[in-house]
PDB file of N, CA and C in Angstrom:
ATOM      1  N   MET A   1      18.399 -19.598  32.926  1.00  0.00           N
ATOM      2  CA  MET A   1      18.293 -18.163  32.736  1.00  0.00           C
ATOM      3  C   MET A   1      19.682 -17.529  32.647  1.00  0.00           C
ATOM      4  N   GLY A   2      20.697 -18.182  33.163  1.00  0.00           N
ATOM      5  CA  GLY A   2      22.045 -17.646  33.103  1.00  0.00           C
ATOM      6  C   GLY A   2      22.552 -17.530  31.671  1.00  0.00           C
ATOM      7  N   GLU A   3      22.227 -18.528  30.827  1.00  0.00           N
ATOM      8  CA  GLU A   3      22.668 -18.507  29.426  1.00  0.00           C
ATOM      9  C   GLU A   3      22.040 -17.336  28.682  1.00  0.00           C
ATOM     10  N   SER A   4      20.794 -17.073  28.954  1.00  0.00           N
ATOM     11  CA  SER A   4      20.098 -15.968  28.299  1.00  0.00           C
ATOM     12  C   SER A   4      20.733 -14.628  28.669  1.00  0.00           C
ATOM     13  N   LYS A   5      21.027 -14.441  29.932  1.00  0.00           N
ATOM     14  CA  LYS A   5      21.665 -13.192  30.361  1.00  0.00           C
ATOM     15  C   LYS A   5      23.047 -13.043  29.751  1.00  0.00           C
ATOM     16  N   ARG A   6      23.795 -14.151  29.693  1.00  0.00           N
ATOM     17  CA  ARG A   6      25.138 -14.111  29.128  1.00  0.00           C
ATOM     18  C   ARG A   6      25.068 -13.752  27.629  1.00  0.00           C
ATOM     19  N   ARG A   7      24.107 -14.346  26.925  1.00  0.00           N
ATOM     20  CA  ARG A   7      23.953 -14.053  25.498  1.00  0.00           C
ATOM     21  C   ARG A   7      23.531 -12.599  25.297  1.00  0.00           C
ATOM     22  N   LYS A   8      22.656 -12.110  26.163  1.00  0.00           N
ATOM     23  CA  LYS A   8      22.196 -10.723  26.060  1.00  0.00           C
ATOM     24  C   LYS A   8      23.357  -9.759  26.278  1.00  0.00           C
ATOM     25  N   GLU A   9      24.187 -10.039  27.243  1.00  0.00           N
ATOM     26  CA  GLU A   9      25.339  -9.178  27.502  1.00  0.00           C
ATOM     27  C   GLU A   9      26.340  -9.245  26.347  1.00  0.00           C
ATOM     28  N   GLN A  10      26.521 -10.423  25.772  1.00  0.00           N
ATOM     29  CA  GLN A  10      27.485 -10.590  24.682  1.00  0.00           C
ATOM     30  C   GLN A  10      27.022  -9.882  23.410  1.00  0.00           C
ATOM     31  N   LEU A  11      25.741  -9.975  23.073  1.00  0.00           N
ATOM     32  CA  LEU A  11      25.244  -9.368  21.838  1.00  0.00           C
ATOM     33  C   LEU A  11      24.959  -7.874  21.969  1.00  0.00           C
ATOM     34  N   GLY A  12      24.640  -7.422  23.148  1.00  0.00           N
ATOM     35  CA  GLY A  12      24.375  -5.998  23.354  1.00  0.00           C
ATOM     36  C   GLY A  12      23.132  -5.535  22.616  1.00  0.00           C
ATOM     37  N   GLU A  13      23.281  -4.539  21.728  1.00  0.00           N
ATOM     38  CA  GLU A  13      22.139  -3.982  20.995  1.00  0.00           C
ATOM     39  C   GLU A  13      21.557  -4.959  19.981  1.00  0.00           C
ATOM     40  N   LYS A  14      22.341  -5.930  19.544  1.00  0.00           N
ATOM     41  CA  LYS A  14      21.875  -6.890  18.540  1.00  0.00           C
ATOM     42  C   LYS A  14      20.981  -7.981  19.137  1.00  0.00           C
ATOM     43  N   TYR A  15      20.845  -8.013  20.451  1.00  0.00           N
ATOM     44  CA  TYR A  15      20.059  -9.049  21.118  1.00  0.00           C
ATOM     45  C   TYR A  15      18.580  -8.948  20.733  1.00  0.00           C
ATOM     46  N   GLY A  16      18.022 -10.042  20.293  1.00  0.00           N
ATOM     47  CA  GLY A  16      16.606 -10.079  19.935  1.00  0.00           C
ATOM     48  C   GLY A  16      16.310  -9.650  18.518  1.00  0.00           C
ATOM     49  N   LYS A  17      17.320  -9.218  17.787  1.00  0.00           N
ATOM     50  CA  LYS A  17      17.125  -8.802  16.400  1.00  0.00           C
ATOM     51  C   LYS A  17      17.513  -9.949  15.471  1.00  0.00           C
ATOM     52  N   GLU A  18      16.775 -10.086  14.396  1.00  0.00           N
ATOM     53  CA  GLU A  18      17.037 -11.143  13.431  1.00  0.00           C
ATOM     54  C   GLU A  18      18.284 -10.797  12.619  1.00  0.00           C
ATOM     55  N   PRO A  19      19.196 -11.744  12.452  1.00  0.00           N
ATOM     56  CA  PRO A  19      20.411 -11.452  11.673  1.00  0.00           C
ATOM     57  C   PRO A  19      20.090 -11.373  10.185  1.00  0.00           C
ATOM     58  N   PRO A  20      20.880 -10.622   9.425  1.00  0.00           N
ATOM     59  CA  PRO A  20      20.655 -10.537   7.971  1.00  0.00           C
ATOM     60  C   PRO A  20      20.988 -11.859   7.283  1.00  0.00           C
ATOM     61  N   ILE A  21      20.476 -12.015   6.048  1.00  0.00           N
ATOM     62  CA  ILE A  21      20.743 -13.224   5.273  1.00  0.00           C
ATOM     63  C   ILE A  21      22.243 -13.341   4.994  1.00  0.00           C
ATOM     64  N   PHE A  22      22.820 -12.264   4.490  1.00  0.00           N
ATOM     65  CA  PHE A  22      24.259 -12.179   4.237  1.00  0.00           C
ATOM     66  C   PHE A  22      24.794 -10.980   5.002  1.00  0.00           C
ATOM     67  N   PRO A  23      26.033 -11.025   5.449  1.00  0.00           N
ATOM     68  CA  PRO A  23      26.579  -9.886   6.196  1.00  0.00           C
ATOM     69  C   PRO A  23      26.581  -8.575   5.406  1.00  0.00           C
ATOM     70  N   TRP A  24      26.747  -8.653   4.089  1.00  0.00           N
ATOM     71  CA  TRP A  24      26.824  -7.456   3.257  1.00  0.00           C
ATOM     72  C   TRP A  24      25.461  -7.017   2.737  1.00  0.00           C
ATOM     73  N   LEU A  25      24.401  -7.779   3.019  1.00  0.00           N
ATOM     74  CA  LEU A  25      23.057  -7.467   2.538  1.00  0.00           C
ATOM     75  C   LEU A  25      22.134  -7.239   3.740  1.00  0.00           C
ATOM     76  N   PRO A  26      21.670  -6.004   3.941  1.00  0.00           N
ATOM     77  CA  PRO A  26      20.879  -5.700   5.146  1.00  0.00           C
ATOM     78  C   PRO A  26      19.415  -6.126   5.028  1.00  0.00           C
ATOM     79  N   ILE A  27      19.165  -7.378   4.645  1.00  0.00           N
ATOM     80  CA  ILE A  27      17.812  -7.897   4.518  1.00  0.00           C
ATOM     81  C   ILE A  27      17.706  -9.165   5.360  1.00  0.00           C
ATOM     82  N   THR A  28      16.670  -9.233   6.201  1.00  0.00           N
ATOM     83  CA  THR A  28      16.481 -10.410   7.042  1.00  0.00           C
ATOM     84  C   THR A  28      15.648 -11.453   6.301  1.00  0.00           C
ATOM     85  N   LYS A  29      15.591 -12.646   6.863  1.00  0.00           N
ATOM     86  CA  LYS A  29      14.806 -13.719   6.247  1.00  0.00           C
ATOM     87  C   LYS A  29      13.326 -13.353   6.209  1.00  0.00           C
ATOM     88  N   THR A  30      12.842 -12.716   7.235  1.00  0.00           N
ATOM     89  CA  THR A  30      11.430 -12.307   7.272  1.00  0.00           C
ATOM     90  C   THR A  30      11.130 -11.314   6.161  1.00  0.00           C
ATOM     91  N   GLN A  31      12.010 -10.345   5.968  1.00  0.00           N
ATOM     92  CA  GLN A  31      11.818  -9.367   4.895  1.00  0.00           C
ATOM     93  C   GLN A  31      11.877 -10.035   3.529  1.00  0.00           C
ATOM     94  N   ALA A  32      12.752 -11.001   3.354  1.00  0.00           N
ATOM     95  CA  ALA A  32      12.854 -11.717   2.085  1.00  0.00           C
ATOM     96  C   ALA A  32      11.573 -12.504   1.813  1.00  0.00           C
ATOM     97  N   ASN A  33      11.026 -13.143   2.838  1.00  0.00           N
ATOM     98  CA  ASN A  33       9.777 -13.884   2.673  1.00  0.00           C
ATOM     99  C   ASN A  33       8.618 -12.956   2.341  1.00  0.00           C
ATOM    100  N   GLN A  34       8.570 -11.792   2.974  1.00  0.00           N
ATOM    101  CA  GLN A  34       7.522 -10.820   2.662  1.00  0.00           C
ATOM    102  C   GLN A  34       7.638 -10.339   1.222  1.00  0.00           C
ATOM    103  N   PHE A  35       8.851 -10.124   0.748  1.00  0.00           N
ATOM    104  CA  PHE A  35       9.071  -9.708  -0.632  1.00  0.00           C
ATOM    105  C   PHE A  35       8.554 -10.769  -1.608  1.00  0.00           C
ATOM    106  N   VAL A  36       8.842 -12.029  -1.320  1.00  0.00           N
ATOM    107  CA  VAL A  36       8.377 -13.118  -2.180  1.00  0.00           C
ATOM    108  C   VAL A  36       6.856 -13.175  -2.183  1.00  0.00           C
ATOM    109  N   GLN A  37       6.226 -13.008  -1.022  1.00  0.00           N
ATOM    110  CA  GLN A  37       4.761 -13.028  -0.943  1.00  0.00           C
ATOM    111  C   GLN A  37       4.150 -11.906  -1.773  1.00  0.00           C
ATOM    112  N   TRP A  38       4.679 -10.697  -1.639  1.00  0.00           N
ATOM    113  CA  TRP A  38       4.125  -9.552  -2.385  1.00  0.00           C
ATOM    114  C   TRP A  38       4.321  -9.699  -3.883  1.00  0.00           C
ATOM    115  N   THR A  39       5.497 -10.162  -4.303  1.00  0.00           N
ATOM    116  CA  THR A  39       5.736 -10.310  -5.736  1.00  0.00           C
ATOM    117  C   THR A  39       4.886 -11.433  -6.321  1.00  0.00           C
ATOM    118  N   THR A  40       4.635 -12.474  -5.537  1.00  0.00           N
ATOM    119  CA  THR A  40       3.764 -13.554  -6.005  1.00  0.00           C
ATOM    120  C   THR A  40       2.338 -13.047  -6.183  1.00  0.00           C
ATOM    121  N   ARG A  41       1.855 -12.284  -5.221  1.00  0.00           N
ATOM    122  CA  ARG A  41       0.516 -11.687  -5.346  1.00  0.00           C
ATOM    123  C   ARG A  41       0.437 -10.760  -6.549  1.00  0.00           C
ATOM    124  N   GLY A  42       1.481  -9.976  -6.753  1.00  0.00           N
ATOM    125  CA  GLY A  42       1.503  -9.067  -7.896  1.00  0.00           C
ATOM    126  C   GLY A  42       1.501  -9.812  -9.219  1.00  0.00           C
ATOM    127  N   ALA A  43       2.244 -10.914  -9.277  1.00  0.00           N
ATOM    128  CA  ALA A  43       2.279 -11.704 -10.508  1.00  0.00           C
ATOM    129  C   ALA A  43       0.906 -12.297 -10.801  1.00  0.00           C
ATOM    130  N   TRP A  44       0.250 -12.845  -9.799  1.00  0.00           N
ATOM    131  CA  TRP A  44      -1.089 -13.405 -10.014  1.00  0.00           C
ATOM    132  C   TRP A  44      -2.084 -12.313 -10.387  1.00  0.00           C
ATOM    133  N   GLY A  45      -1.945 -11.146  -9.786  1.00  0.00           N
ATOM    134  CA  GLY A  45      -2.812 -10.027 -10.166  1.00  0.00           C
ATOM    135  C   GLY A  45      -2.615  -9.648 -11.619  1.00  0.00           C
ATOM    136  N   GLY A  46      -1.378  -9.630 -12.077  1.00  0.00           N
ATOM    137  CA  GLY A  46      -1.095  -9.333 -13.473  1.00  0.00           C
ATOM    138  C   GLY A  46      -1.674 -10.375 -14.410  1.00  0.00           C
ATOM    139  N   ILE A  47      -1.586 -11.634 -14.010  1.00  0.00           N
ATOM    140  CA  ILE A  47      -2.164 -12.708 -14.832  1.00  0.00           C
ATOM    141  C   ILE A  47      -3.676 -12.545 -14.938  1.00  0.00           C
ATOM    142  N   VAL A  48      -4.325 -12.240 -13.834  1.00  0.00           N
ATOM    143  CA  VAL A  48      -5.783 -12.046 -13.846  1.00  0.00           C
ATOM    144  C   VAL A  48      -6.157 -10.862 -14.733  1.00  0.00           C
ATOM    145  N   LEU A  49      -5.433  -9.762 -14.622  1.00  0.00           N
ATOM    146  CA  LEU A  49      -5.712  -8.594 -15.455  1.00  0.00           C
ATOM    147  C   LEU A  49      -5.485  -8.899 -16.939  1.00  0.00           C
ATOM    148  N   LEU A  50      -4.457  -9.667 -17.252  1.00  0.00           N
ATOM    149  CA  LEU A  50      -4.205 -10.052 -18.635  1.00  0.00           C
ATOM    150  C   LEU A  50      -5.352 -10.894 -19.191  1.00  0.00           C
ATOM    151  N   ILE A  51      -5.857 -11.826 -18.393  1.00  0.00           N
ATOM    152  CA  ILE A  51      -6.983 -12.666 -18.826  1.00  0.00           C
ATOM    153  C   ILE A  51      -8.230 -11.817 -19.043  1.00  0.00           C
ATOM    154  N   ILE A  52      -8.499 -10.894 -18.134  1.00  0.00           N
ATOM    155  CA  ILE A  52      -9.666 -10.018 -18.283  1.00  0.00           C
ATOM    156  C   ILE A  52      -9.532  -9.174 -19.546  1.00  0.00           C
ATOM    157  N   PHE A  53      -8.349  -8.607 -19.771  1.00  0.00           N
ATOM    158  CA  PHE A  53      -8.119  -7.805 -20.970  1.00  0.00           C
ATOM    159  C   PHE A  53      -8.324  -8.647 -22.224  1.00  0.00           C
ATOM    160  N   TRP A  54      -7.794  -9.864 -22.226  1.00  0.00           N
ATOM    161  CA  TRP A  54      -7.945 -10.738 -23.379  1.00  0.00           C
ATOM    162  C   TRP A  54      -9.417 -11.048 -23.647  1.00  0.00           C
ATOM    163  N   LEU A  55     -10.180 -11.319 -22.583  1.00  0.00           N
ATOM    164  CA  LEU A  55     -11.609 -11.599 -22.756  1.00  0.00           C
ATOM    165  C   LEU A  55     -12.348 -10.402 -23.339  1.00  0.00           C
ATOM    166  N   VAL A  56     -12.008  -9.213 -22.881  1.00  0.00           N
ATOM    167  CA  VAL A  56     -12.653  -8.004 -23.402  1.00  0.00           C
ATOM    168  C   VAL A  56     -12.317  -7.829 -24.877  1.00  0.00           C
ATOM    169  N   VAL A  57     -11.050  -7.956 -25.220  1.00  0.00           N
ATOM    170  CA  VAL A  57     -10.644  -7.780 -26.618  1.00  0.00           C
ATOM    171  C   VAL A  57     -11.257  -8.862 -27.493  1.00  0.00           C
ATOM    172  N   ARG A  58     -11.290 -10.087 -27.015  1.00  0.00           N
ATOM    173  CA  ARG A  58     -11.735 -11.219 -27.841  1.00  0.00           C
ATOM    174  C   ARG A  58     -13.252 -11.268 -28.017  1.00  0.00           C
ATOM    175  N   PHE A  59     -14.017 -10.975 -26.970  1.00  0.00           N
ATOM    176  CA  PHE A  59     -15.470 -11.162 -27.030  1.00  0.00           C
ATOM    177  C   PHE A  59     -16.265  -9.859 -27.010  1.00  0.00           C
ATOM    178  N   VAL A  60     -15.919  -8.943 -26.153  1.00  0.00           N
ATOM    179  CA  VAL A  60     -16.677  -7.701 -26.036  1.00  0.00           C
ATOM    180  C   VAL A  60     -16.355  -6.766 -27.190  1.00  0.00           C
ATOM    181  N   GLY A  61     -15.083  -6.663 -27.555  1.00  0.00           N
ATOM    182  CA  GLY A  61     -14.668  -5.775 -28.640  1.00  0.00           C
ATOM    183  C   GLY A  61     -15.389  -6.045 -29.943  1.00  0.00           C
ATOM    184  N   PRO A  62     -15.408  -7.268 -30.444  1.00  0.00           N
ATOM    185  CA  PRO A  62     -16.108  -7.544 -31.700  1.00  0.00           C
ATOM    186  C   PRO A  62     -17.619  -7.286 -31.611  1.00  0.00           C
ATOM    187  N   ALA A  63     -18.199  -7.433 -30.451  1.00  0.00           N
ATOM    188  CA  ALA A  63     -19.629  -7.178 -30.298  1.00  0.00           C
ATOM    189  C   ALA A  63     -19.949  -5.698 -30.568  1.00  0.00           C
ATOM    190  N   PHE A  64     -19.001  -4.822 -30.272  1.00  0.00           N
ATOM    191  CA  PHE A  64     -19.205  -3.391 -30.522  1.00  0.00           C
ATOM    192  C   PHE A  64     -18.530  -2.934 -31.817  1.00  0.00           C
ATOM    193  N   GLY A  65     -17.945  -3.868 -32.551  1.00  0.00           N
ATOM    194  CA  GLY A  65     -17.311  -3.517 -33.807  1.00  0.00           C
ATOM    195  C   GLY A  65     -15.870  -3.075 -33.662  1.00  0.00           C
ATOM    196  N   TRP A  66     -15.296  -3.218 -32.463  1.00  0.00           N
ATOM    197  CA  TRP A  66     -13.892  -2.856 -32.276  1.00  0.00           C
ATOM    198  C   TRP A  66     -13.036  -4.052 -32.644  1.00  0.00           C
ATOM    199  N   TRP A  67     -11.861  -3.797 -33.106  1.00  0.00           N
ATOM    200  CA  TRP A  67     -10.863  -4.830 -33.385  1.00  0.00           C
ATOM    201  C   TRP A  67     -11.509  -5.969 -34.181  1.00  0.00           C
ATOM    202  N   GLN A  68     -11.815  -5.704 -35.394  1.00  0.00           N
ATOM    203  CA  GLN A  68     -12.487  -6.684 -36.245  1.00  0.00           C
ATOM    204  C   GLN A  68     -11.704  -8.000 -36.298  1.00  0.00           C
ATOM    205  N   VAL A  69     -12.363  -9.098 -35.947  1.00  0.00           N
ATOM    206  CA  VAL A  69     -11.750 -10.412 -35.997  1.00  0.00           C
ATOM    207  C   VAL A  69     -12.298 -11.129 -37.207  1.00  0.00           C
ATOM    208  N   ASN A  70     -11.425 -11.565 -38.109  1.00  0.00           N
ATOM    209  CA  ASN A  70     -11.867 -12.232 -39.333  1.00  0.00           C
ATOM    210  C   ASN A  70     -11.823 -13.731 -39.177  1.00  0.00           C
TER     211      ASN A  70
END
């Protein structure tokens, strides 16, 4: 327990806080991982929406006479 107290006194307010990835970039590893997770979900959502749009244009549109496919 002595090492923990010594480290707490040495770090002061920074004790228990995650250090940034780079000193000049105020982003922690946890925040970077969350960003990657959200952007990955967004990319997959975009892919799904693109596929749905393509299916509508390719199959539903011609059934109603929209976007004539020859």
